């Protein structure tokens, strides 16, 4: 999503790597926020550790049919 937004704003960025665009290396899906000037990054692994559960599973978008995961 970050890449798409940058390309929309500046089409010259198309075809460049994340590093060339000035973005950090992609290491997985995270939640990013800035609170009181501090950049907070919450990863799936961190949430699993905080909740004391195993870090596994699939994203809903990985299923071919949205009916499948609703019935499981």
PDB file of N, CA and C in Angstrom:
ATOM      1  N   UNK A   1       0.815  -1.186   0.000  1.00  0.00           N
ATOM      2  CA  UNK A   1       0.000   0.000   0.000  1.00  0.00           C
ATOM      3  C   UNK A   1       0.861   1.253   0.000  1.00  0.00           C
ATOM      4  N   UNK A   2       1.951   1.228   0.731  1.00  0.00           N
ATOM      5  CA  UNK A   2       2.821   2.405   0.764  1.00  0.00           C
ATOM      6  C   UNK A   2       3.388   2.688  -0.616  1.00  0.00           C
ATOM      7  N   UNK A   3       3.790   1.609  -1.314  1.00  0.00           N
ATOM      8  CA  UNK A   3       4.356   1.771  -2.653  1.00  0.00           C
ATOM      9  C   UNK A   3       3.325   2.361  -3.600  1.00  0.00           C
ATOM     10  N   UNK A   4       2.089   1.838  -3.535  1.00  0.00           N
ATOM     11  CA  UNK A   4       1.022   2.305  -4.417  1.00  0.00           C
ATOM     12  C   UNK A   4       0.744   3.786  -4.204  1.00  0.00           C
ATOM     13  N   UNK A   5       0.725   4.213  -2.950  1.00  0.00           N
ATOM     14  CA  UNK A   5       0.467   5.622  -2.653  1.00  0.00           C
ATOM     15  C   UNK A   5       1.583   6.513  -3.197  1.00  0.00           C
ATOM     16  N   UNK A   6       2.835   6.079  -3.024  1.00  0.00           N
ATOM     17  CA  UNK A   6       3.957   6.857  -3.551  1.00  0.00           C
ATOM     18  C   UNK A   6       3.909   6.950  -5.071  1.00  0.00           C
ATOM     19  N   UNK A   7       3.574   5.845  -5.734  1.00  0.00           N
ATOM     20  CA  UNK A   7       3.501   5.836  -7.202  1.00  0.00           C
ATOM     21  C   UNK A   7       2.358   6.718  -7.688  1.00  0.00           C
ATOM     22  N   UNK A   8       1.225   6.719  -6.964  1.00  0.00           N
ATOM     23  CA  UNK A   8       0.111   7.607  -7.322  1.00  0.00           C
ATOM     24  C   UNK A   8       0.538   9.063  -7.235  1.00  0.00           C
ATOM     25  N   UNK A   9       1.290   9.400  -6.193  1.00  0.00           N
ATOM     26  CA  UNK A   9       1.744  10.780  -5.998  1.00  0.00           C
ATOM     27  C   UNK A   9       2.881  11.161  -6.932  1.00  0.00           C
ATOM     28  N   UNK A  10       3.736  10.192  -7.292  1.00  0.00           N
ATOM     29  CA  UNK A  10       4.891  10.453  -8.156  1.00  0.00           C
ATOM     30  C   UNK A  10       5.106   9.256  -9.080  1.00  0.00           C
ATOM     31  N   UNK A  11       4.519   9.275 -10.287  1.00  0.00           N
ATOM     32  CA  UNK A  11       4.623   8.143 -11.215  1.00  0.00           C
ATOM     33  C   UNK A  11       6.059   7.751 -11.573  1.00  0.00           C
ATOM     34  N   UNK A  12       7.032   8.629 -11.369  1.00  0.00           N
ATOM     35  CA  UNK A  12       8.435   8.297 -11.660  1.00  0.00           C
ATOM     36  C   UNK A  12       8.966   7.209 -10.726  1.00  0.00           C
ATOM     37  N   UNK A  13       8.289   6.950  -9.626  1.00  0.00           N
ATOM     38  CA  UNK A  13       8.713   5.936  -8.657  1.00  0.00           C
ATOM     39  C   UNK A  13       8.425   4.510  -9.129  1.00  0.00           C
ATOM     40  N   UNK A  14       7.572   4.365 -10.154  1.00  0.00           N
ATOM     41  CA  UNK A  14       7.187   3.030 -10.631  1.00  0.00           C
ATOM     42  C   UNK A  14       8.419   2.254 -11.082  1.00  0.00           C
ATOM     43  N   UNK A  15       8.529   0.995 -10.615  1.00  0.00           N
ATOM     44  CA  UNK A  15       9.644   0.130 -10.983  1.00  0.00           C
ATOM     45  C   UNK A  15      10.824   0.204 -10.033  1.00  0.00           C
ATOM     46  N   UNK A  16      10.777   1.105  -9.051  1.00  0.00           N
ATOM     47  CA  UNK A  16      11.876   1.233  -8.090  1.00  0.00           C
ATOM     48  C   UNK A  16      11.637   0.317  -6.894  1.00  0.00           C
ATOM     49  N   UNK A  17      12.707  -0.007  -6.186  1.00  0.00           N
ATOM     50  CA  UNK A  17      12.600  -0.836  -4.986  1.00  0.00           C
ATOM     51  C   UNK A  17      12.097   0.018  -3.824  1.00  0.00           C
ATOM     52  N   UNK A  18      11.679  -0.641  -2.749  1.00  0.00           N
ATOM     53  CA  UNK A  18      11.219   0.090  -1.560  1.00  0.00           C
ATOM     54  C   UNK A  18      12.314   1.008  -1.032  1.00  0.00           C
ATOM     55  N   UNK A  19      13.553   0.512  -1.039  1.00  0.00           N
ATOM     56  CA  UNK A  19      14.669   1.310  -0.533  1.00  0.00           C
ATOM     57  C   UNK A  19      14.896   2.542  -1.409  1.00  0.00           C
ATOM     58  N   UNK A  20      14.778   2.368  -2.729  1.00  0.00           N
ATOM     59  CA  UNK A  20      14.941   3.498  -3.647  1.00  0.00           C
ATOM     60  C   UNK A  20      13.823   4.524  -3.481  1.00  0.00           C
ATOM     61  N   UNK A  21      12.656   4.063  -3.027  1.00  0.00           N
ATOM     62  CA  UNK A  21      11.530   4.967  -2.782  1.00  0.00           C
ATOM     63  C   UNK A  21      11.644   5.661  -1.431  1.00  0.00           C
ATOM     64  N   UNK A  22      12.607   5.232  -0.618  1.00  0.00           N
ATOM     65  CA  UNK A  22      12.765   5.820   0.711  1.00  0.00           C
ATOM     66  C   UNK A  22      11.946   5.118   1.774  1.00  0.00           C
ATOM     67  N   UNK A  23      11.469   3.904   1.465  1.00  0.00           N
ATOM     68  CA  UNK A  23      10.678   3.133   2.416  1.00  0.00           C
ATOM     69  C   UNK A  23      11.547   2.076   3.083  1.00  0.00           C
ATOM     70  N   UNK A  24      11.124   1.630   4.253  1.00  0.00           N
ATOM     71  CA  UNK A  24      11.870   0.577   4.949  1.00  0.00           C
ATOM     72  C   UNK A  24      11.608  -0.772   4.288  1.00  0.00           C
ATOM     73  N   UNK A  25      12.518  -1.728   4.512  1.00  0.00           N
ATOM     74  CA  UNK A  25      12.398  -3.066   3.936  1.00  0.00           C
ATOM     75  C   UNK A  25      11.143  -3.747   4.484  1.00  0.00           C
ATOM     76  N   UNK A  26      10.408  -4.450   3.621  1.00  0.00           N
ATOM     77  CA  UNK A  26       9.184  -5.134   4.042  1.00  0.00           C
ATOM     78  C   UNK A  26       9.537  -6.409   4.791  1.00  0.00           C
ATOM     79  N   UNK A  27       9.053  -6.540   6.016  1.00  0.00           N
ATOM     80  CA  UNK A  27       9.339  -7.729   6.816  1.00  0.00           C
ATOM     81  C   UNK A  27       8.062  -8.379   7.337  1.00  0.00           C
ATOM     82  N   UNK A  28       6.926  -8.014   6.775  1.00  0.00           N
ATOM     83  CA  UNK A  28       5.657  -8.590   7.195  1.00  0.00           C
ATOM     84  C   UNK A  28       4.636  -7.504   7.484  1.00  0.00           C
ATOM     85  N   UNK A  29       3.405  -7.919   7.656  1.00  0.00           N
ATOM     86  CA  UNK A  29       2.328  -6.981   7.927  1.00  0.00           C
ATOM     87  C   UNK A  29       2.450  -6.452   9.350  1.00  0.00           C
ATOM     88  N   UNK A  30       2.368  -5.143   9.493  1.00  0.00           N
ATOM     89  CA  UNK A  30       2.470  -4.507  10.802  1.00  0.00           C
ATOM     90  C   UNK A  30       1.433  -3.395  10.920  1.00  0.00           C
ATOM     91  N   UNK A  31       1.180  -2.982  12.146  1.00  0.00           N
ATOM     92  CA  UNK A  31       0.347  -1.821  12.427  1.00  0.00           C
ATOM     93  C   UNK A  31       1.295  -0.716  12.846  1.00  0.00           C
ATOM     94  N   UNK A  32       1.225   0.422  12.162  1.00  0.00           N
ATOM     95  CA  UNK A  32       2.100   1.547  12.499  1.00  0.00           C
ATOM     96  C   UNK A  32       1.256   2.717  12.975  1.00  0.00           C
ATOM     97  N   UNK A  33       1.758   3.411  13.994  1.00  0.00           N
ATOM     98  CA  UNK A  33       1.075   4.582  14.518  1.00  0.00           C
ATOM     99  C   UNK A  33       2.098   5.515  15.148  1.00  0.00           C
ATOM    100  N   UNK A  34       1.745   6.778  15.248  1.00  0.00           N
ATOM    101  CA  UNK A  34       2.591   7.744  15.940  1.00  0.00           C
ATOM    102  C   UNK A  34       1.784   8.283  17.110  1.00  0.00           C
ATOM    103  N   UNK A  35       2.312   8.078  18.308  1.00  0.00           N
ATOM    104  CA  UNK A  35       1.640   8.517  19.527  1.00  0.00           C
ATOM    105  C   UNK A  35       2.581   9.437  20.276  1.00  0.00           C
ATOM    106  N   UNK A  36       2.157  10.658  20.486  1.00  0.00           N
ATOM    107  CA  UNK A  36       2.962  11.661  21.198  1.00  0.00           C
ATOM    108  C   UNK A  36       4.361  11.785  20.592  1.00  0.00           C
ATOM    109  N   UNK A  37       4.439  11.694  19.271  1.00  0.00           N
ATOM    110  CA  UNK A  37       5.718  11.851  18.591  1.00  0.00           C
ATOM    111  C   UNK A  37       6.562  10.597  18.513  1.00  0.00           C
ATOM    112  N   UNK A  38       6.107   9.503  19.112  1.00  0.00           N
ATOM    113  CA  UNK A  38       6.839   8.235  19.067  1.00  0.00           C
ATOM    114  C   UNK A  38       6.230   7.331  18.005  1.00  0.00           C
ATOM    115  N   UNK A  39       7.070   6.805  17.114  1.00  0.00           N
ATOM    116  CA  UNK A  39       6.577   5.877  16.098  1.00  0.00           C
ATOM    117  C   UNK A  39       6.459   4.492  16.712  1.00  0.00           C
ATOM    118  N   UNK A  40       5.250   3.943  16.701  1.00  0.00           N
ATOM    119  CA  UNK A  40       4.962   2.640  17.282  1.00  0.00           C
ATOM    120  C   UNK A  40       4.697   1.652  16.147  1.00  0.00           C
ATOM    121  N   UNK A  41       5.345   0.489  16.182  1.00  0.00           N
ATOM    122  CA  UNK A  41       5.127  -0.565  15.198  1.00  0.00           C
ATOM    123  C   UNK A  41       4.760  -1.841  15.937  1.00  0.00           C
ATOM    124  N   UNK A  42       3.585  -2.380  15.619  1.00  0.00           N
ATOM    125  CA  UNK A  42       3.110  -3.600  16.263  1.00  0.00           C
ATOM    126  C   UNK A  42       3.063  -4.698  15.211  1.00  0.00           C
ATOM    127  N   UNK A  43       3.820  -5.761  15.425  1.00  0.00           N
ATOM    128  CA  UNK A  43       3.858  -6.878  14.475  1.00  0.00           C
ATOM    129  C   UNK A  43       2.950  -8.009  14.957  1.00  0.00           C
ATOM    130  N   UNK A  44       2.687  -8.922  14.055  1.00  0.00           N
ATOM    131  CA  UNK A  44       1.887 -10.100  14.386  1.00  0.00           C
ATOM    132  C   UNK A  44       2.571 -10.919  15.479  1.00  0.00           C
ATOM    133  N   UNK A  45       3.895 -11.052  15.395  1.00  0.00           N
ATOM    134  CA  UNK A  45       4.649 -11.817  16.392  1.00  0.00           C
ATOM    135  C   UNK A  45       4.540 -11.163  17.770  1.00  0.00           C
ATOM    136  N   UNK A  46       4.583  -9.835  17.820  1.00  0.00           N
ATOM    137  CA  UNK A  46       4.468  -9.128  19.097  1.00  0.00           C
ATOM    138  C   UNK A  46       3.086  -9.344  19.711  1.00  0.00           C
ATOM    139  N   UNK A  47       2.042  -9.251  18.887  1.00  0.00           N
ATOM    140  CA  UNK A  47       0.688  -9.496  19.399  1.00  0.00           C
ATOM    141  C   UNK A  47       0.554 -10.915  19.941  1.00  0.00           C
ATOM    142  N   UNK A  48       1.103 -11.886  19.225  1.00  0.00           N
ATOM    143  CA  UNK A  48       1.040 -13.279  19.679  1.00  0.00           C
ATOM    144  C   UNK A  48       1.760 -13.442  21.015  1.00  0.00           C
ATOM    145  N   UNK A  49       2.909 -12.806  21.150  1.00  0.00           N
ATOM    146  CA  UNK A  49       3.668 -12.903  22.397  1.00  0.00           C
ATOM    147  C   UNK A  49       2.907 -12.246  23.550  1.00  0.00           C
ATOM    148  N   UNK A  50       2.329 -11.071  23.308  1.00  0.00           N
ATOM    149  CA  UNK A  50       1.575 -10.377  24.351  1.00  0.00           C
ATOM    150  C   UNK A  50       0.345 -11.170  24.792  1.00  0.00           C
ATOM    151  N   UNK A  51      -0.294 -11.849  23.835  1.00  0.00           N
ATOM    152  CA  UNK A  51      -1.499 -12.625  24.138  1.00  0.00           C
ATOM    153  C   UNK A  51      -1.187 -14.050  24.576  1.00  0.00           C
ATOM    154  N   UNK A  52       0.107 -14.407  24.568  1.00  0.00           N
ATOM    155  CA  UNK A  52       0.565 -15.738  24.956  1.00  0.00           C
ATOM    156  C   UNK A  52      -0.109 -16.836  24.123  1.00  0.00           C
ATOM    157  N   UNK A  53      -0.112 -16.615  22.793  1.00  0.00           N
ATOM    158  CA  UNK A  53      -0.636 -17.605  21.855  1.00  0.00           C
ATOM    159  C   UNK A  53       0.421 -17.876  20.792  1.00  0.00           C
ATOM    160  N   UNK A  54       0.238 -18.972  20.032  1.00  0.00           N
ATOM    161  CA  UNK A  54       1.175 -19.285  18.957  1.00  0.00           C
ATOM    162  C   UNK A  54       0.942 -18.349  17.776  1.00  0.00           C
ATOM    163  N   UNK A  55       2.024 -18.001  17.085  1.00  0.00           N
ATOM    164  CA  UNK A  55       1.958 -17.118  15.920  1.00  0.00           C
ATOM    165  C   UNK A  55       1.799 -17.976  14.667  1.00  0.00           C
ATOM    166  N   UNK A  56       0.558 -18.281  14.312  1.00  0.00           N
ATOM    167  CA  UNK A  56       0.295 -19.057  13.096  1.00  0.00           C
ATOM    168  C   UNK A  56      -1.098 -18.702  12.588  1.00  0.00           C
ATOM    169  N   UNK A  57      -1.407 -19.133  11.404  1.00  0.00           N
ATOM    170  CA  UNK A  57      -2.723 -18.910  10.833  1.00  0.00           C
ATOM    171  C   UNK A  57      -2.638 -18.317   9.449  1.00  0.00           C
ATOM    172  N   UNK A  58      -3.795 -18.076   8.872  1.00  0.00           N
ATOM    173  CA  UNK A  58      -3.885 -17.505   7.535  1.00  0.00           C
ATOM    174  C   UNK A  58      -4.644 -16.189   7.589  1.00  0.00           C
ATOM    175  N   UNK A  59      -4.341 -15.341   6.630  1.00  0.00           N
ATOM    176  CA  UNK A  59      -5.114 -14.115   6.472  1.00  0.00           C
ATOM    177  C   UNK A  59      -6.405 -14.475   5.748  1.00  0.00           C
ATOM    178  N   UNK A  60      -7.468 -13.805   6.053  1.00  0.00           N
ATOM    179  CA  UNK A  60      -8.744 -14.068   5.396  1.00  0.00           C
ATOM    180  C   UNK A  60      -8.611 -13.898   3.888  1.00  0.00           C
ATOM    181  N   UNK A  61      -7.812 -12.927   3.438  1.00  0.00           N
ATOM    182  CA  UNK A  61      -7.666 -12.681   1.999  1.00  0.00           C
ATOM    183  C   UNK A  61      -6.946 -13.823   1.290  1.00  0.00           C
ATOM    184  N   UNK A  62      -6.301 -14.745   2.023  1.00  0.00           N
ATOM    185  CA  UNK A  62      -5.628 -15.890   1.404  1.00  0.00           C
ATOM    186  C   UNK A  62      -6.609 -16.964   0.942  1.00  0.00           C
ATOM    187  N   UNK A  63      -7.845 -16.923   1.434  1.00  0.00           N
ATOM    188  CA  UNK A  63      -8.843 -17.899   1.030  1.00  0.00           C
ATOM    189  C   UNK A  63      -9.436 -17.500  -0.312  1.00  0.00           C
ATOM    190  N   UNK A  64      -9.697 -18.495  -1.154  1.00  0.00           N
ATOM    191  CA  UNK A  64     -10.238 -18.212  -2.483  1.00  0.00           C
ATOM    192  C   UNK A  64     -11.701 -17.778  -2.405  1.00  0.00           C
ATOM    193  N   UNK A  65     -12.429 -18.272  -1.443  1.00  0.00           N
ATOM    194  CA  UNK A  65     -13.845 -17.958  -1.314  1.00  0.00           C
ATOM    195  C   UNK A  65     -14.106 -17.373   0.068  1.00  0.00           C
ATOM    196  N   UNK A  66     -14.834 -16.260   0.109  1.00  0.00           N
ATOM    197  CA  UNK A  66     -15.121 -15.662   1.416  1.00  0.00           C
ATOM    198  C   UNK A  66     -16.137 -16.499   2.192  1.00  0.00           C
ATOM    199  N   UNK A  67     -16.814 -17.432   1.543  1.00  0.00           N
ATOM    200  CA  UNK A  67     -17.763 -18.300   2.230  1.00  0.00           C
ATOM    201  C   UNK A  67     -17.024 -19.342   3.061  1.00  0.00           C
ATOM    202  N   UNK A  68     -15.854 -19.825   2.564  1.00  0.00           N
ATOM    203  CA  UNK A  68     -15.105 -20.895   3.226  1.00  0.00           C
ATOM    204  C   UNK A  68     -14.758 -20.546   4.663  1.00  0.00           C
ATOM    205  N   UNK A  69     -14.140 -19.394   4.883  1.00  0.00           N
ATOM    206  CA  UNK A  69     -13.695 -19.078   6.239  1.00  0.00           C
ATOM    207  C   UNK A  69     -14.850 -18.777   7.162  1.00  0.00           C
ATOM    208  N   UNK A  70     -15.969 -18.333   6.634  1.00  0.00           N
ATOM    209  CA  UNK A  70     -17.122 -18.060   7.489  1.00  0.00           C
ATOM    210  C   UNK A  70     -17.744 -19.352   8.008  1.00  0.00           C
ATOM    211  N   UNK A  71     -17.643 -20.435   7.232  1.00  0.00           N
ATOM    212  CA  UNK A  71     -18.234 -21.702   7.639  1.00  0.00           C
ATOM    213  C   UNK A  71     -17.310 -22.511   8.529  1.00  0.00           C
ATOM    214  N   UNK A  72     -16.033 -22.204   8.551  1.00  0.00           N
ATOM    215  CA  UNK A  72     -15.054 -22.991   9.316  1.00  0.00           C
ATOM    216  C   UNK A  72     -15.243 -22.825  10.800  1.00  0.00           C
TER     217      UNK A  72
END
